[in-house]
């Protein structure tokens, strides 16, 4: 999995799955600075309610 792809998919659908969120947290120590910034943005979108934790149909 790629964080950039995951970010785009989550923003376009408005949903991130728990498995995808688990992947982000497991790989966080290996992120580059750009990936860290992307993960922070993803977290802010989750906090703001623009992306929801759930499943895609």
N, C-alpha and C. Protein backbone atom coordinates (compact mmCIF):
# COMPACT_ATOMS: atom_id res chain seq x y z
N UNK A 1 0.86 -1.17 0.00
CA UNK A 1 0.00 0.00 0.00
C UNK A 1 0.90 1.23 0.00
N UNK A 2 0.38 2.31 -0.52
CA UNK A 2 1.11 3.56 -0.63
C UNK A 2 0.29 4.64 0.05
N UNK A 3 0.93 5.47 0.88
CA UNK A 3 0.19 6.49 1.63
C UNK A 3 -0.45 7.51 0.70
N UNK A 4 0.23 7.89 -0.36
CA UNK A 4 -0.35 8.86 -1.29
C UNK A 4 -1.61 8.33 -1.94
N UNK A 5 -1.58 7.09 -2.36
CA UNK A 5 -2.76 6.46 -2.96
C UNK A 5 -3.88 6.35 -1.94
N UNK A 6 -3.53 5.94 -0.72
CA UNK A 6 -4.52 5.82 0.34
C UNK A 6 -5.16 7.18 0.65
N UNK A 7 -4.35 8.22 0.68
CA UNK A 7 -4.86 9.57 0.93
C UNK A 7 -5.86 9.98 -0.15
N UNK A 8 -5.47 9.80 -1.41
CA UNK A 8 -6.35 10.18 -2.51
C UNK A 8 -7.65 9.38 -2.50
N UNK A 9 -7.54 8.08 -2.23
CA UNK A 9 -8.73 7.23 -2.19
C UNK A 9 -9.65 7.65 -1.04
N UNK A 10 -9.08 7.98 0.11
CA UNK A 10 -9.89 8.39 1.25
C UNK A 10 -10.55 9.74 1.02
N UNK A 11 -9.83 10.66 0.41
CA UNK A 11 -10.41 11.98 0.15
C UNK A 11 -11.51 11.88 -0.91
N UNK A 12 -11.30 11.05 -1.92
CA UNK A 12 -12.30 10.96 -2.99
C UNK A 12 -13.57 10.23 -2.54
N UNK A 13 -13.43 9.24 -1.63
CA UNK A 13 -14.61 8.49 -1.18
C UNK A 13 -15.18 9.02 0.13
N UNK A 14 -14.35 9.72 0.90
CA UNK A 14 -14.79 10.21 2.21
C UNK A 14 -14.78 9.15 3.28
N UNK A 15 -14.11 8.00 2.99
CA UNK A 15 -14.08 6.88 3.93
C UNK A 15 -12.68 6.31 4.01
N UNK A 16 -12.26 5.92 5.21
CA UNK A 16 -11.04 5.14 5.39
C UNK A 16 -11.42 3.94 6.25
N UNK A 17 -10.91 2.78 5.89
CA UNK A 17 -11.24 1.57 6.63
C UNK A 17 -10.32 1.43 7.84
N UNK A 18 -10.72 0.63 8.79
CA UNK A 18 -9.88 0.42 9.97
C UNK A 18 -8.58 -0.29 9.58
N UNK A 19 -8.62 -1.16 8.57
CA UNK A 19 -7.41 -1.84 8.11
C UNK A 19 -6.42 -0.84 7.52
N UNK A 20 -6.94 0.13 6.76
CA UNK A 20 -6.08 1.15 6.18
C UNK A 20 -5.47 2.04 7.27
N UNK A 21 -6.27 2.37 8.26
CA UNK A 21 -5.78 3.18 9.37
C UNK A 21 -4.74 2.40 10.17
N UNK A 22 -4.94 1.11 10.34
CA UNK A 22 -3.94 0.26 11.01
C UNK A 22 -2.64 0.25 10.22
N UNK A 23 -2.73 0.19 8.88
CA UNK A 23 -1.53 0.20 8.04
C UNK A 23 -0.76 1.50 8.25
N UNK A 24 -1.48 2.62 8.29
CA UNK A 24 -0.82 3.91 8.49
C UNK A 24 -0.06 3.92 9.81
N UNK A 25 -0.69 3.48 10.88
CA UNK A 25 -0.04 3.52 12.19
C UNK A 25 1.14 2.55 12.28
N UNK A 26 1.05 1.40 11.62
CA UNK A 26 2.17 0.45 11.64
C UNK A 26 3.38 0.96 10.87
N UNK A 27 3.16 1.71 9.78
CA UNK A 27 4.26 2.16 8.94
C UNK A 27 4.72 3.58 9.23
N UNK A 28 4.12 4.22 10.21
CA UNK A 28 4.43 5.60 10.53
C UNK A 28 5.93 5.84 10.81
N UNK A 29 6.65 4.95 11.51
CA UNK A 29 8.07 5.22 11.75
C UNK A 29 8.92 5.28 10.48
N UNK A 30 8.45 4.69 9.39
CA UNK A 30 9.21 4.63 8.15
C UNK A 30 8.87 5.76 7.18
N UNK A 31 7.94 6.65 7.54
CA UNK A 31 7.49 7.69 6.63
C UNK A 31 8.56 8.75 6.40
N UNK A 32 8.59 9.25 5.18
CA UNK A 32 9.41 10.42 4.87
C UNK A 32 8.70 11.66 5.42
N UNK A 33 9.34 12.81 5.31
CA UNK A 33 8.71 14.04 5.80
C UNK A 33 7.42 14.35 5.05
N UNK A 34 7.43 14.09 3.75
CA UNK A 34 6.23 14.33 2.95
C UNK A 34 5.11 13.39 3.38
N UNK A 35 5.44 12.13 3.62
CA UNK A 35 4.44 11.18 4.06
C UNK A 35 3.92 11.52 5.46
N UNK A 36 4.79 12.03 6.33
CA UNK A 36 4.35 12.47 7.65
C UNK A 36 3.33 13.60 7.53
N UNK A 37 3.61 14.56 6.65
CA UNK A 37 2.69 15.67 6.43
C UNK A 37 1.36 15.17 5.87
N UNK A 38 1.42 14.19 4.98
CA UNK A 38 0.21 13.62 4.40
C UNK A 38 -0.60 12.89 5.47
N UNK A 39 0.07 12.16 6.33
CA UNK A 39 -0.62 11.44 7.42
C UNK A 39 -1.27 12.44 8.39
N UNK A 40 -0.59 13.54 8.67
CA UNK A 40 -1.18 14.57 9.53
C UNK A 40 -2.42 15.17 8.90
N UNK A 41 -2.36 15.43 7.60
CA UNK A 41 -3.51 15.97 6.88
C UNK A 41 -4.67 14.99 6.92
N UNK A 42 -4.37 13.72 6.74
CA UNK A 42 -5.41 12.69 6.81
C UNK A 42 -6.05 12.66 8.19
N UNK A 43 -5.24 12.79 9.23
CA UNK A 43 -5.75 12.83 10.60
C UNK A 43 -6.63 14.04 10.84
N UNK A 44 -6.23 15.17 10.29
CA UNK A 44 -7.04 16.39 10.45
C UNK A 44 -8.38 16.26 9.73
N UNK A 45 -8.37 15.62 8.58
CA UNK A 45 -9.62 15.40 7.86
C UNK A 45 -10.54 14.45 8.63
N UNK A 46 -9.95 13.45 9.28
CA UNK A 46 -10.73 12.54 10.13
C UNK A 46 -11.31 13.31 11.32
N UNK A 47 -10.46 14.11 11.96
CA UNK A 47 -10.92 14.89 13.11
C UNK A 47 -12.02 15.88 12.73
N UNK A 48 -11.91 16.43 11.54
CA UNK A 48 -12.89 17.41 11.08
C UNK A 48 -14.17 16.80 10.56
N UNK A 49 -14.23 15.49 10.44
CA UNK A 49 -15.43 14.83 9.97
C UNK A 49 -15.58 14.79 8.46
N UNK A 50 -14.53 15.15 7.72
CA UNK A 50 -14.61 15.11 6.26
C UNK A 50 -14.31 13.70 5.73
N UNK A 51 -13.62 12.91 6.52
CA UNK A 51 -13.38 11.50 6.20
C UNK A 51 -13.90 10.69 7.38
N UNK A 52 -14.62 9.63 7.09
CA UNK A 52 -15.25 8.81 8.12
C UNK A 52 -14.60 7.44 8.16
N UNK A 53 -14.55 6.88 9.36
CA UNK A 53 -14.05 5.52 9.55
C UNK A 53 -15.18 4.56 9.24
N UNK A 54 -14.97 3.65 8.33
CA UNK A 54 -16.03 2.72 7.96
C UNK A 54 -15.59 1.77 6.89
N UNK A 55 -16.52 1.36 6.05
CA UNK A 55 -16.21 0.45 4.96
C UNK A 55 -16.77 1.02 3.66
N UNK A 56 -16.11 0.69 2.58
CA UNK A 56 -16.55 1.12 1.26
C UNK A 56 -17.49 0.06 0.68
N UNK A 57 -18.51 0.52 0.01
CA UNK A 57 -19.47 -0.40 -0.62
C UNK A 57 -19.08 -0.60 -2.06
